[in-house]
Amino acid sequence: SDALSKGDKVAVYYFHYTKRCVTCKAVEEESKKAVQDLYPEAYNKGMIAFHSLNLKEEKGKSTAEKFMVSGQTLLIVKDDKTVNLTNEGFMYARSNPEKFRKAIQETIGEI
């Protein structure tokens, strides 16, 4: 069963630019996959959402401003709590996806 209690809404935001490197794409793919695999029920019910936003597009820009983001960034957000997992993403998404997935799971579990 999913670790999210009723009423919890978690949003995972990945901000990126139009031009993207392999690692940048891996961060998005692995974080999205982790959310879908770890929390399938919550994901399907919209209790946890994954958003990939281009910083060069209006929606990406306005959302980035809200979170004071200025570059490639991975955020996990619930209510007024925001956890930045960008470093973990760029360190582990390609070299150690299992470790990256664990960081996402621990963050969502604690937030």
PDB file of N, CA and C in Angstrom:
ATOM      1  N   SER A   1       0.843  -1.197   0.000  1.00  0.00           N
ATOM      2  CA  SER A   1       0.000   0.000   0.000  1.00  0.00           C
ATOM      3  C   SER A   1       0.882   1.251   0.000  1.00  0.00           C
ATOM      4  N   ASP A   2       0.362   2.307  -0.513  1.00  0.00           N
ATOM      5  CA  ASP A   2       1.128   3.544  -0.621  1.00  0.00           C
ATOM      6  C   ASP A   2       1.342   4.176   0.751  1.00  0.00           C
ATOM      7  N   ALA A   3       2.464   4.849   0.885  1.00  0.00           N
ATOM      8  CA  ALA A   3       2.827   5.458   2.169  1.00  0.00           C
ATOM      9  C   ALA A   3       2.172   6.819   2.375  1.00  0.00           C
ATOM     10  N   LEU A   4       1.282   7.192   1.488  1.00  0.00           N
ATOM     11  CA  LEU A   4       0.641   8.503   1.615  1.00  0.00           C
ATOM     12  C   LEU A   4      -0.705   8.350   2.302  1.00  0.00           C
ATOM     13  N   SER A   5      -0.936   9.152   3.349  1.00  0.00           N
ATOM     14  CA  SER A   5      -2.224   9.081   4.011  1.00  0.00           C
ATOM     15  C   SER A   5      -3.239   9.916   3.248  1.00  0.00           C
ATOM     16  N   LYS A   6      -4.486   9.657   3.543  1.00  0.00           N
ATOM     17  CA  LYS A   6      -5.568  10.369   2.844  1.00  0.00           C
ATOM     18  C   LYS A   6      -5.403  11.878   2.993  1.00  0.00           C
ATOM     19  N   GLY A   7      -5.646  12.588   1.923  1.00  0.00           N
ATOM     20  CA  GLY A   7      -5.566  14.040   1.980  1.00  0.00           C
ATOM     21  C   GLY A   7      -4.189  14.587   1.659  1.00  0.00           C
ATOM     22  N   ASP A   8      -3.189  13.713   1.681  1.00  0.00           N
ATOM     23  CA  ASP A   8      -1.841  14.162   1.329  1.00  0.00           C
ATOM     24  C   ASP A   8      -1.743  14.325  -0.173  1.00  0.00           C
ATOM     25  N   LYS A   9      -1.238  15.439  -0.601  1.00  0.00           N
ATOM     26  CA  LYS A   9      -0.961  15.644  -2.023  1.00  0.00           C
ATOM     27  C   LYS A   9       0.495  16.015  -2.164  1.00  0.00           C
ATOM     28  N   VAL A  10       1.188  15.244  -2.967  1.00  0.00           N
ATOM     29  CA  VAL A  10       2.607  15.492  -3.176  1.00  0.00           C
ATOM     30  C   VAL A  10       2.820  15.818  -4.642  1.00  0.00           C
ATOM     31  N   ALA A  11       3.625  16.831  -4.897  1.00  0.00           N
ATOM     32  CA  ALA A  11       3.958  17.179  -6.278  1.00  0.00           C
ATOM     33  C   ALA A  11       5.467  17.095  -6.448  1.00  0.00           C
ATOM     34  N   VAL A  12       5.874  16.442  -7.528  1.00  0.00           N
ATOM     35  CA  VAL A  12       7.288  16.367  -7.874  1.00  0.00           C
ATOM     36  C   VAL A  12       7.473  17.228  -9.113  1.00  0.00           C
ATOM     37  N   TYR A  13       8.316  18.233  -9.008  1.00  0.00           N
ATOM     38  CA  TYR A  13       8.557  19.150 -10.126  1.00  0.00           C
ATOM     39  C   TYR A  13       9.975  18.969 -10.635  1.00  0.00           C
ATOM     40  N   TYR A  14      10.100  18.804 -11.935  1.00  0.00           N
ATOM     41  CA  TYR A  14      11.432  18.795 -12.528  1.00  0.00           C
ATOM     42  C   TYR A  14      11.510  19.933 -13.530  1.00  0.00           C
ATOM     43  N   PHE A  15      12.374  20.899 -13.256  1.00  0.00           N
ATOM     44  CA  PHE A  15      12.559  22.062 -14.128  1.00  0.00           C
ATOM     45  C   PHE A  15      13.776  21.833 -15.010  1.00  0.00           C
ATOM     46  N   HIS A  16      13.641  22.141 -16.284  1.00  0.00           N
ATOM     47  CA  HIS A  16      14.748  21.927 -17.223  1.00  0.00           C
ATOM     48  C   HIS A  16      14.700  22.972 -18.327  1.00  0.00           C
ATOM     49  N   TYR A  17      15.738  22.996 -19.137  1.00  0.00           N
ATOM     50  CA  TYR A  17      15.784  23.880 -20.307  1.00  0.00           C
ATOM     51  C   TYR A  17      15.451  23.077 -21.557  1.00  0.00           C
ATOM     52  N   THR A  18      15.305  23.767 -22.685  1.00  0.00           N
ATOM     53  CA  THR A  18      14.989  23.101 -23.945  1.00  0.00           C
ATOM     54  C   THR A  18      16.128  22.184 -24.362  1.00  0.00           C
ATOM     55  N   LYS A  19      17.357  22.693 -24.284  1.00  0.00           N
ATOM     56  CA  LYS A  19      18.528  21.860 -24.606  1.00  0.00           C
ATOM     57  C   LYS A  19      18.874  21.062 -23.366  1.00  0.00           C
ATOM     58  N   ARG A  20      18.955  19.742 -23.536  1.00  0.00           N
ATOM     59  CA  ARG A  20      19.142  18.886 -22.363  1.00  0.00           C
ATOM     60  C   ARG A  20      20.230  17.846 -22.579  1.00  0.00           C
ATOM     61  N   CYS A  21      21.025  17.621 -21.544  1.00  0.00           N
ATOM     62  CA  CYS A  21      22.075  16.600 -21.632  1.00  0.00           C
ATOM     63  C   CYS A  21      21.498  15.248 -21.204  1.00  0.00           C
ATOM     64  N   VAL A  22      22.287  14.217 -21.374  1.00  0.00           N
ATOM     65  CA  VAL A  22      21.851  12.857 -21.053  1.00  0.00           C
ATOM     66  C   VAL A  22      21.492  12.733 -19.572  1.00  0.00           C
ATOM     67  N   THR A  23      22.296  13.335 -18.714  1.00  0.00           N
ATOM     68  CA  THR A  23      22.038  13.253 -17.272  1.00  0.00           C
ATOM     69  C   THR A  23      20.738  13.955 -16.919  1.00  0.00           C
ATOM     70  N   CYS A  24      20.510  15.106 -17.523  1.00  0.00           N
ATOM     71  CA  CYS A  24      19.275  15.856 -17.284  1.00  0.00           C
ATOM     72  C   CYS A  24      18.058  14.997 -17.633  1.00  0.00           C
ATOM     73  N   LYS A  25      18.123  14.329 -18.768  1.00  0.00           N
ATOM     74  CA  LYS A  25      17.013  13.461 -19.183  1.00  0.00           C
ATOM     75  C   LYS A  25      16.856  12.282 -18.229  1.00  0.00           C
ATOM     76  N   ALA A  26      17.982  11.747 -17.753  1.00  0.00           N
ATOM     77  CA  ALA A  26      17.940  10.617 -16.820  1.00  0.00           C
ATOM     78  C   ALA A  26      17.288  11.017 -15.502  1.00  0.00           C
ATOM     79  N   VAL A  27      17.575  12.231 -15.026  1.00  0.00           N
ATOM     80  CA  VAL A  27      16.971  12.707 -13.777  1.00  0.00           C
ATOM     81  C   VAL A  27      15.452  12.718 -13.924  1.00  0.00           C
ATOM     82  N   GLU A  28      14.971  13.238 -15.052  1.00  0.00           N
ATOM     83  CA  GLU A  28      13.523  13.266 -15.282  1.00  0.00           C
ATOM     84  C   GLU A  28      12.954  11.857 -15.377  1.00  0.00           C
ATOM     85  N   GLU A  29      13.560  11.017 -16.208  1.00  0.00           N
ATOM     86  CA  GLU A  29      13.041   9.657 -16.412  1.00  0.00           C
ATOM     87  C   GLU A  29      13.021   8.861 -15.115  1.00  0.00           C
ATOM     88  N   GLU A  30      14.127   8.898 -14.383  1.00  0.00           N
ATOM     89  CA  GLU A  30      14.235   8.099 -13.158  1.00  0.00           C
ATOM     90  C   GLU A  30      13.305   8.613 -12.056  1.00  0.00           C
ATOM     91  N   SER A  31      13.167   9.928 -11.921  1.00  0.00           N
ATOM     92  CA  SER A  31      12.288  10.447 -10.869  1.00  0.00           C
ATOM     93  C   SER A  31      10.831  10.162 -11.197  1.00  0.00           C
ATOM     94  N   LYS A  32      10.464  10.288 -12.464  1.00  0.00           N
ATOM     95  CA  LYS A  32       9.082   9.989 -12.859  1.00  0.00           C
ATOM     96  C   LYS A  32       8.782   8.503 -12.651  1.00  0.00           C
ATOM     97  N   LYS A  33       9.723   7.661 -13.063  1.00  0.00           N
ATOM     98  CA  LYS A  33       9.553   6.216 -12.916  1.00  0.00           C
ATOM     99  C   LYS A  33       9.439   5.837 -11.442  1.00  0.00           C
ATOM    100  N   ALA A  34      10.259   6.449 -10.606  1.00  0.00           N
ATOM    101  CA  ALA A  34      10.234   6.159  -9.169  1.00  0.00           C
ATOM    102  C   ALA A  34       8.867   6.487  -8.579  1.00  0.00           C
ATOM    103  N   VAL A  35       8.340   7.651  -8.924  1.00  0.00           N
ATOM    104  CA  VAL A  35       7.028   8.072  -8.417  1.00  0.00           C
ATOM    105  C   VAL A  35       5.944   7.088  -8.861  1.00  0.00           C
ATOM    106  N   GLN A  36       5.957   6.709 -10.129  1.00  0.00           N
ATOM    107  CA  GLN A  36       4.936   5.800 -10.666  1.00  0.00           C
ATOM    108  C   GLN A  36       5.071   4.391 -10.093  1.00  0.00           C
ATOM    109  N   ASP A  37       6.313   3.919  -9.928  1.00  0.00           N
ATOM    110  CA  ASP A  37       6.538   2.555  -9.431  1.00  0.00           C
ATOM    111  C   ASP A  37       6.316   2.430  -7.927  1.00  0.00           C
ATOM    112  N   LEU A  38       6.753   3.435  -7.173  1.00  0.00           N
ATOM    113  CA  LEU A  38       6.672   3.370  -5.714  1.00  0.00           C
ATOM    114  C   LEU A  38       5.265   3.677  -5.196  1.00  0.00           C
ATOM    115  N   TYR A  39       4.552   4.534  -5.916  1.00  0.00           N
ATOM    116  CA  TYR A  39       3.228   4.972  -5.444  1.00  0.00           C
ATOM    117  C   TYR A  39       2.178   4.852  -6.548  1.00  0.00           C
ATOM    118  N   PRO A  40       1.981   3.650  -7.107  1.00  0.00           N
ATOM    119  CA  PRO A  40       1.076   3.528  -8.257  1.00  0.00           C
ATOM    120  C   PRO A  40      -0.357   3.967  -7.956  1.00  0.00           C
ATOM    121  N   GLU A  41      -0.843   3.592  -6.774  1.00  0.00           N
ATOM    122  CA  GLU A  41      -2.221   3.933  -6.406  1.00  0.00           C
ATOM    123  C   GLU A  41      -2.392   5.446  -6.274  1.00  0.00           C
ATOM    124  N   ALA A  42      -1.506   6.045  -5.507  1.00  0.00           N
ATOM    125  CA  ALA A  42      -1.561   7.495  -5.284  1.00  0.00           C
ATOM    126  C   ALA A  42      -1.368   8.253  -6.594  1.00  0.00           C
ATOM    127  N   TYR A  43      -0.478   7.744  -7.442  1.00  0.00           N
ATOM    128  CA  TYR A  43      -0.217   8.393  -8.731  1.00  0.00           C
ATOM    129  C   TYR A  43      -1.469   8.359  -9.604  1.00  0.00           C
ATOM    130  N   ASN A  44      -2.103   7.197  -9.666  1.00  0.00           N
ATOM    131  CA  ASN A  44      -3.308   7.051 -10.493  1.00  0.00           C
ATOM    132  C   ASN A  44      -4.474   7.880  -9.972  1.00  0.00           C
ATOM    133  N   LYS A  45      -4.508   8.104  -8.657  1.00  0.00           N
ATOM    134  CA  LYS A  45      -5.595   8.894  -8.058  1.00  0.00           C
ATOM    135  C   LYS A  45      -5.279  10.384  -8.044  1.00  0.00           C
ATOM    136  N   GLY A  46      -4.097  10.758  -8.515  1.00  0.00           N
ATOM    137  CA  GLY A  46      -3.732  12.173  -8.527  1.00  0.00           C
ATOM    138  C   GLY A  46      -3.282  12.700  -7.180  1.00  0.00           C
ATOM    139  N   MET A  47      -3.004  11.788  -6.236  1.00  0.00           N
ATOM    140  CA  MET A  47      -2.526  12.216  -4.917  1.00  0.00           C
ATOM    141  C   MET A  47      -1.038  12.565  -4.964  1.00  0.00           C
ATOM    142  N   ILE A  48      -0.373  12.038  -5.972  1.00  0.00           N
ATOM    143  CA  ILE A  48       1.023  12.387  -6.194  1.00  0.00           C
ATOM    144  C   ILE A  48       1.168  12.660  -7.684  1.00  0.00           C
ATOM    145  N   ALA A  49       1.789  13.763  -8.003  1.00  0.00           N
ATOM    146  CA  ALA A  49       1.872  14.159  -9.414  1.00  0.00           C
ATOM    147  C   ALA A  49       3.312  14.454  -9.788  1.00  0.00           C
ATOM    148  N   PHE A  50       3.626  14.185 -11.040  1.00  0.00           N
ATOM    149  CA  PHE A  50       4.958  14.499 -11.560  1.00  0.00           C
ATOM    150  C   PHE A  50       4.806  15.544 -12.653  1.00  0.00           C
ATOM    151  N   HIS A  51       5.549  16.638 -12.541  1.00  0.00           N
ATOM    152  CA  HIS A  51       5.483  17.708 -13.539  1.00  0.00           C
ATOM    153  C   HIS A  51       6.873  17.977 -14.097  1.00  0.00           C
ATOM    154  N   SER A  52       7.009  17.872 -15.401  1.00  0.00           N
ATOM    155  CA  SER A  52       8.254  18.242 -16.065  1.00  0.00           C
ATOM    156  C   SER A  52       8.002  19.587 -16.735  1.00  0.00           C
ATOM    157  N   LEU A  53       8.760  20.607 -16.332  1.00  0.00           N
ATOM    158  CA  LEU A  53       8.491  21.963 -16.803  1.00  0.00           C
ATOM    159  C   LEU A  53       9.713  22.584 -17.467  1.00  0.00           C
ATOM    160  N   ASN A  54       9.498  23.112 -18.659  1.00  0.00           N
ATOM    161  CA  ASN A  54      10.562  23.773 -19.404  1.00  0.00           C
ATOM    162  C   ASN A  54      10.664  25.225 -18.926  1.00  0.00           C
ATOM    163  N   LEU A  55      11.845  25.610 -18.474  1.00  0.00           N
ATOM    164  CA  LEU A  55      12.052  26.967 -17.958  1.00  0.00           C
ATOM    165  C   LEU A  55      11.943  28.038 -19.035  1.00  0.00           C
ATOM    166  N   LYS A  56      11.936  27.644 -20.291  1.00  0.00           N
ATOM    167  CA  LYS A  56      11.814  28.595 -21.397  1.00  0.00           C
ATOM    168  C   LYS A  56      10.350  28.817 -21.789  1.00  0.00           C
ATOM    169  N   GLU A  57       9.445  28.032 -21.192  1.00  0.00           N
ATOM    170  CA  GLU A  57       8.017  28.180 -21.505  1.00  0.00           C
ATOM    171  C   GLU A  57       7.316  28.877 -20.345  1.00  0.00           C
ATOM    172  N   GLU A  58       6.183  29.504 -20.654  1.00  0.00           N
ATOM    173  CA  GLU A  58       5.484  30.337 -19.672  1.00  0.00           C
ATOM    174  C   GLU A  58       5.140  29.578 -18.387  1.00  0.00           C
ATOM    175  N   LYS A  59       4.562  28.384 -18.528  1.00  0.00           N
ATOM    176  CA  LYS A  59       4.153  27.622 -17.338  1.00  0.00           C
ATOM    177  C   LYS A  59       5.370  27.279 -16.484  1.00  0.00           C
ATOM    178  N   GLY A  60       6.447  26.880 -17.138  1.00  0.00           N
ATOM    179  CA  GLY A  60       7.677  26.557 -16.417  1.00  0.00           C
ATOM    180  C   GLY A  60       8.244  27.765 -15.705  1.00  0.00           C
ATOM    181  N   LYS A  61       8.241  28.905 -16.397  1.00  0.00           N
ATOM    182  CA  LYS A  61       8.774  30.151 -15.831  1.00  0.00           C
ATOM    183  C   LYS A  61       7.993  30.573 -14.594  1.00  0.00           C
ATOM    184  N   SER A  62       6.667  30.596 -14.712  1.00  0.00           N
ATOM    185  CA  SER A  62       5.847  31.081 -13.594  1.00  0.00           C
ATOM    186  C   SER A  62       5.930  30.135 -12.395  1.00  0.00           C
ATOM    187  N   THR A  63       5.956  28.826 -12.648  1.00  0.00           N
ATOM    188  CA  THR A  63       6.077  27.873 -11.541  1.00  0.00           C
ATOM    189  C   THR A  63       7.452  27.992 -10.899  1.00  0.00           C
ATOM    190  N   ALA A  64       8.486  28.163 -11.709  1.00  0.00           N
ATOM    191  CA  ALA A  64       9.853  28.312 -11.197  1.00  0.00           C
ATOM    192  C   ALA A  64       9.959  29.544 -10.300  1.00  0.00           C
ATOM    193  N   GLU A  65       9.310  30.629 -10.699  1.00  0.00           N
ATOM    194  CA  GLU A  65       9.329  31.858  -9.899  1.00  0.00           C
ATOM    195  C   GLU A  65       8.704  31.615  -8.535  1.00  0.00           C
ATOM    196  N   LYS A  66       7.602  30.871  -8.534  1.00  0.00           N
ATOM    197  CA  LYS A  66       6.898  30.556  -7.293  1.00  0.00           C
ATOM    198  C   LYS A  66       7.830  29.848  -6.300  1.00  0.00           C
ATOM    199  N   PHE A  67       8.670  28.957  -6.821  1.00  0.00           N
ATOM    200  CA  PHE A  67       9.584  28.194  -5.963  1.00  0.00           C
ATOM    201  C   PHE A  67      10.995  28.778  -5.933  1.00  0.00           C
ATOM    202  N   MET A  68      11.166  29.955  -6.541  1.00  0.00           N
ATOM    203  CA  MET A  68      12.464  30.629  -6.609  1.00  0.00           C
ATOM    204  C   MET A  68      13.543  29.727  -7.223  1.00  0.00           C
ATOM    205  N   VAL A  69      13.190  29.098  -8.320  1.00  0.00           N
ATOM    206  CA  VAL A  69      14.089  28.197  -9.044  1.00  0.00           C
ATOM    207  C   VAL A  69      14.623  28.929 -10.264  1.00  0.00           C
ATOM    208  N   SER A  70      15.927  28.798 -10.516  1.00  0.00           N
ATOM    209  CA  SER A  70      16.487  29.510 -11.666  1.00  0.00           C
ATOM    210  C   SER A  70      17.216  28.597 -12.647  1.00  0.00           C
ATOM    211  N   GLY A  71      17.250  27.308 -12.365  1.00  0.00           N
ATOM    212  CA  GLY A  71      17.928  26.385 -13.275  1.00  0.00           C
ATOM    213  C   GLY A  71      17.359  24.995 -13.141  1.00  0.00           C
ATOM    214  N   GLN A  72      18.070  24.018 -13.695  1.00  0.00           N
ATOM    215  CA  GLN A  72      17.590  22.639 -13.624  1.00  0.00           C
ATOM    216  C   GLN A  72      17.453  22.241 -12.165  1.00  0.00           C
ATOM    217  N   THR A  73      16.252  21.840 -11.786  1.00  0.00           N
ATOM    218  CA  THR A  73      15.960  21.584 -10.377  1.00  0.00           C
ATOM    219  C   THR A  73      14.922  20.488 -10.229  1.00  0.00           C
ATOM    220  N   LEU A  74      15.102  19.641  -9.219  1.00  0.00           N
ATOM    221  CA  LEU A  74      14.121  18.615  -8.873  1.00  0.00           C
ATOM    222  C   LEU A  74      13.607  18.921  -7.472  1.00  0.00           C
ATOM    223  N   LEU A  75      12.303  19.187  -7.369  1.00  0.00           N
ATOM    224  CA  LEU A  75      11.695  19.517  -6.081  1.00  0.00           C
ATOM    225  C   LEU A  75      10.589  18.528  -5.740  1.00  0.00           C
ATOM    226  N   ILE A  76      10.483  18.213  -4.454  1.00  0.00           N
ATOM    227  CA  ILE A  76       9.345  17.441  -3.964  1.00  0.00           C
ATOM    228  C   ILE A  76       8.612  18.367  -3.005  1.00  0.00           C
ATOM    229  N   VAL A  77       7.326  18.570  -3.268  1.00  0.00           N
ATOM    230  CA  VAL A  77       6.560  19.584  -2.547  1.00  0.00           C
ATOM    231  C   VAL A  77       5.295  18.982  -1.947  1.00  0.00           C
ATOM    232  N   LYS A  78       5.043  19.317  -0.683  1.00  0.00           N
ATOM    233  CA  LYS A  78       3.778  18.955  -0.037  1.00  0.00           C
ATOM    234  C   LYS A  78       3.405  20.094   0.894  1.00  0.00           C
ATOM    235  N   ASP A  79       2.205  20.610   0.725  1.00  0.00           N
ATOM    236  CA  ASP A  79       1.755  21.769   1.499  1.00  0.00           C
ATOM    237  C   ASP A  79       2.796  22.886   1.382  1.00  0.00           C
ATOM    238  N   ASP A  80       3.332  23.339   2.517  1.00  0.00           N
ATOM    239  CA  ASP A  80       4.314  24.429   2.450  1.00  0.00           C
ATOM    240  C   ASP A  80       5.744  23.908   2.580  1.00  0.00           C
ATOM    241  N   LYS A  81       5.907  22.588   2.480  1.00  0.00           N
ATOM    242  CA  LYS A  81       7.248  21.997   2.585  1.00  0.00           C
ATOM    243  C   LYS A  81       7.805  21.693   1.203  1.00  0.00           C
ATOM    244  N   THR A  82       9.049  22.060   0.991  1.00  0.00           N
ATOM    245  CA  THR A  82       9.720  21.812  -0.286  1.00  0.00           C
ATOM    246  C   THR A  82      11.087  21.205  -0.016  1.00  0.00           C
ATOM    247  N   VAL A  83      11.374  20.081  -0.676  1.00  0.00           N
ATOM    248  CA  VAL A  83      12.685  19.442  -0.551  1.00  0.00           C
ATOM    249  C   VAL A  83      13.338  19.434  -1.925  1.00  0.00           C
ATOM    250  N   ASN A  84      14.573  19.897  -1.972  1.00  0.00           N
ATOM    251  CA  ASN A  84      15.319  19.965  -3.221  1.00  0.00           C
ATOM    252  C   ASN A  84      16.212  18.728  -3.348  1.00  0.00           C
ATOM    253  N   LEU A  85      15.949  17.907  -4.378  1.00  0.00           N
ATOM    254  CA  LEU A  85      16.739  16.690  -4.604  1.00  0.00           C
ATOM    255  C   LEU A  85      17.586  16.790  -5.872  1.00  0.00           C
ATOM    256  N   THR A  86      17.875  17.999  -6.301  1.00  0.00           N
ATOM    257  CA  THR A  86      18.629  18.192  -7.539  1.00  0.00           C
ATOM    258  C   THR A  86      20.003  17.522  -7.480  1.00  0.00           C
ATOM    259  N   ASN A  87      20.730  17.735  -6.381  1.00  0.00           N
ATOM    260  CA  ASN A  87      22.079  17.156  -6.274  1.00  0.00           C
ATOM    261  C   ASN A  87      22.047  15.639  -6.351  1.00  0.00           C
ATOM    262  N   GLU A  88      21.116  15.028  -5.603  1.00  0.00           N
ATOM    263  CA  GLU A  88      20.983  13.569  -5.636  1.00  0.00           C
ATOM    264  C   GLU A  88      20.669  13.101  -7.051  1.00  0.00           C
ATOM    265  N   GLY A  89      19.798  13.845  -7.722  1.00  0.00           N
ATOM    266  CA  GLY A  89      19.423  13.486  -9.089  1.00  0.00           C
ATOM    267  C   GLY A  89      20.609  13.472 -10.024  1.00  0.00           C
ATOM    268  N   PHE A  90      21.375  14.547  -9.991  1.00  0.00           N
ATOM    269  CA  PHE A  90      22.511  14.631 -10.913  1.00  0.00           C
ATOM    270  C   PHE A  90      23.650  13.695 -10.508  1.00  0.00           C
ATOM    271  N   MET A  91      23.736  13.359  -9.227  1.00  0.00           N
ATOM    272  CA  MET A  91      24.783  12.431  -8.793  1.00  0.00           C
ATOM    273  C   MET A  91      24.430  10.982  -9.113  1.00  0.00           C
ATOM    274  N   TYR A  92      23.153  10.612  -8.953  1.00  0.00           N
ATOM    275  CA  TYR A  92      22.808   9.188  -8.983  1.00  0.00           C
ATOM    276  C   TYR A  92      21.860   8.721 -10.086  1.00  0.00           C
ATOM    277  N   ALA A  93      21.163   9.605 -10.760  1.00  0.00           N
ATOM    278  CA  ALA A  93      20.150   9.154 -11.734  1.00  0.00           C
ATOM    279  C   ALA A  93      20.726   8.201 -12.774  1.00  0.00           C
ATOM    280  N   ARG A  94      21.942   8.466 -13.218  1.00  0.00           N
ATOM    281  CA  ARG A  94      22.567   7.586 -14.215  1.00  0.00           C
ATOM    282  C   ARG A  94      23.470   6.539 -13.582  1.00  0.00           C
ATOM    283  N   SER A  95      24.270   6.938 -12.599  1.00  0.00           N
ATOM    284  CA  SER A  95      25.287   6.030 -12.049  1.00  0.00           C
ATOM    285  C   SER A  95      24.709   5.032 -11.048  1.00  0.00           C
ATOM    286  N   ASN A  96      23.672   5.437 -10.309  1.00  0.00           N
ATOM    287  CA  ASN A  96      23.113   4.577  -9.274  1.00  0.00           C
ATOM    288  C   ASN A  96      21.619   4.872  -9.098  1.00  0.00           C
ATOM    289  N   PRO A  97      20.803   4.497 -10.108  1.00  0.00           N
ATOM    290  CA  PRO A  97      19.369   4.830 -10.063  1.00  0.00           C
ATOM    291  C   PRO A  97      18.663   4.301  -8.817  1.00  0.00           C
ATOM    292  N   GLU A  98      19.138   3.170  -8.285  1.00  0.00           N
ATOM    293  CA  GLU A  98      18.517   2.582  -7.092  1.00  0.00           C
ATOM    294  C   GLU A  98      18.686   3.511  -5.885  1.00  0.00           C
ATOM    295  N   LYS A  99      19.863   4.098  -5.765  1.00  0.00           N
ATOM    296  CA  LYS A  99      20.143   5.035  -4.667  1.00  0.00           C
ATOM    297  C   LYS A  99      19.296   6.300  -4.831  1.00  0.00           C
ATOM    298  N   PHE A 100      19.144   6.754  -6.057  1.00  0.00           N
ATOM    299  CA  PHE A 100      18.326   7.931  -6.355  1.00  0.00           C
ATOM    300  C   PHE A 100      16.865   7.659  -5.997  1.00  0.00           C
ATOM    301  N   ARG A 101      16.378   6.490  -6.392  1.00  0.00           N
ATOM    302  CA  ARG A 101      14.998   6.085  -6.094  1.00  0.00           C
ATOM    303  C   ARG A 101      14.774   6.055  -4.584  1.00  0.00           C
ATOM    304  N   LYS A 102      15.751   5.540  -3.846  1.00  0.00           N
ATOM    305  CA  LYS A 102      15.657   5.468  -2.385  1.00  0.00           C
ATOM    306  C   LYS A 102      15.574   6.877  -1.779  1.00  0.00           C
ATOM    307  N   ALA A 103      16.342   7.810  -2.324  1.00  0.00           N
ATOM    308  CA  ALA A 103      16.315   9.198  -1.838  1.00  0.00           C
ATOM    309  C   ALA A 103      14.931   9.809  -2.062  1.00  0.00           C
ATOM    310  N   ILE A 104      14.334   9.519  -3.215  1.00  0.00           N
ATOM    311  CA  ILE A 104      12.986  10.025  -3.512  1.00  0.00           C
ATOM    312  C   ILE A 104      11.983   9.421  -2.538  1.00  0.00           C
ATOM    313  N   GLN A 105      12.083   8.104  -2.346  1.00  0.00           N
ATOM    314  CA  GLN A 105      11.152   7.408  -1.449  1.00  0.00           C
ATOM    315  C   GLN A 105      11.269   7.931  -0.017  1.00  0.00           C
ATOM    316  N   GLU A 106      12.493   8.113   0.463  1.00  0.00           N
ATOM    317  CA  GLU A 106      12.696   8.614   1.827  1.00  0.00           C
ATOM    318  C   GLU A 106      12.148  10.029   1.971  1.00  0.00           C
ATOM    319  N   THR A 107      12.371  10.851   0.962  1.00  0.00           N
ATOM    320  CA  THR A 107      11.894  12.235   1.012  1.00  0.00           C
ATOM    321  C   THR A 107      10.373  12.287   1.041  1.00  0.00           C
ATOM    322  N   ILE A 108       9.738  11.514   0.164  1.00  0.00           N
ATOM    323  CA  ILE A 108       8.271  11.508   0.123  1.00  0.00           C
ATOM    324  C   ILE A 108       7.718  10.932   1.426  1.00  0.00           C
ATOM    325  N   GLY A 109       8.406   9.954   1.992  1.00  0.00           N
ATOM    326  CA  GLY A 109       7.974   9.355   3.254  1.00  0.00           C
ATOM    327  C   GLY A 109       8.066  10.315   4.433  1.00  0.00           C
ATOM    328  N   GLU A 110       9.038  11.221   4.376  1.00  0.00           N
ATOM    329  CA  GLU A 110       9.276  12.129   5.507  1.00  0.00           C
ATOM    330  C   GLU A 110       8.575  13.470   5.372  1.00  0.00           C
ATOM    331  N   ILE A 111       8.280  13.866   4.145  1.00  0.00           N
ATOM    332  CA  ILE A 111       7.769  15.225   3.922  1.00  0.00           C
ATOM    333  C   ILE A 111       6.362  15.419   4.495  1.00  0.00           C
TER     334      ILE A 111
END
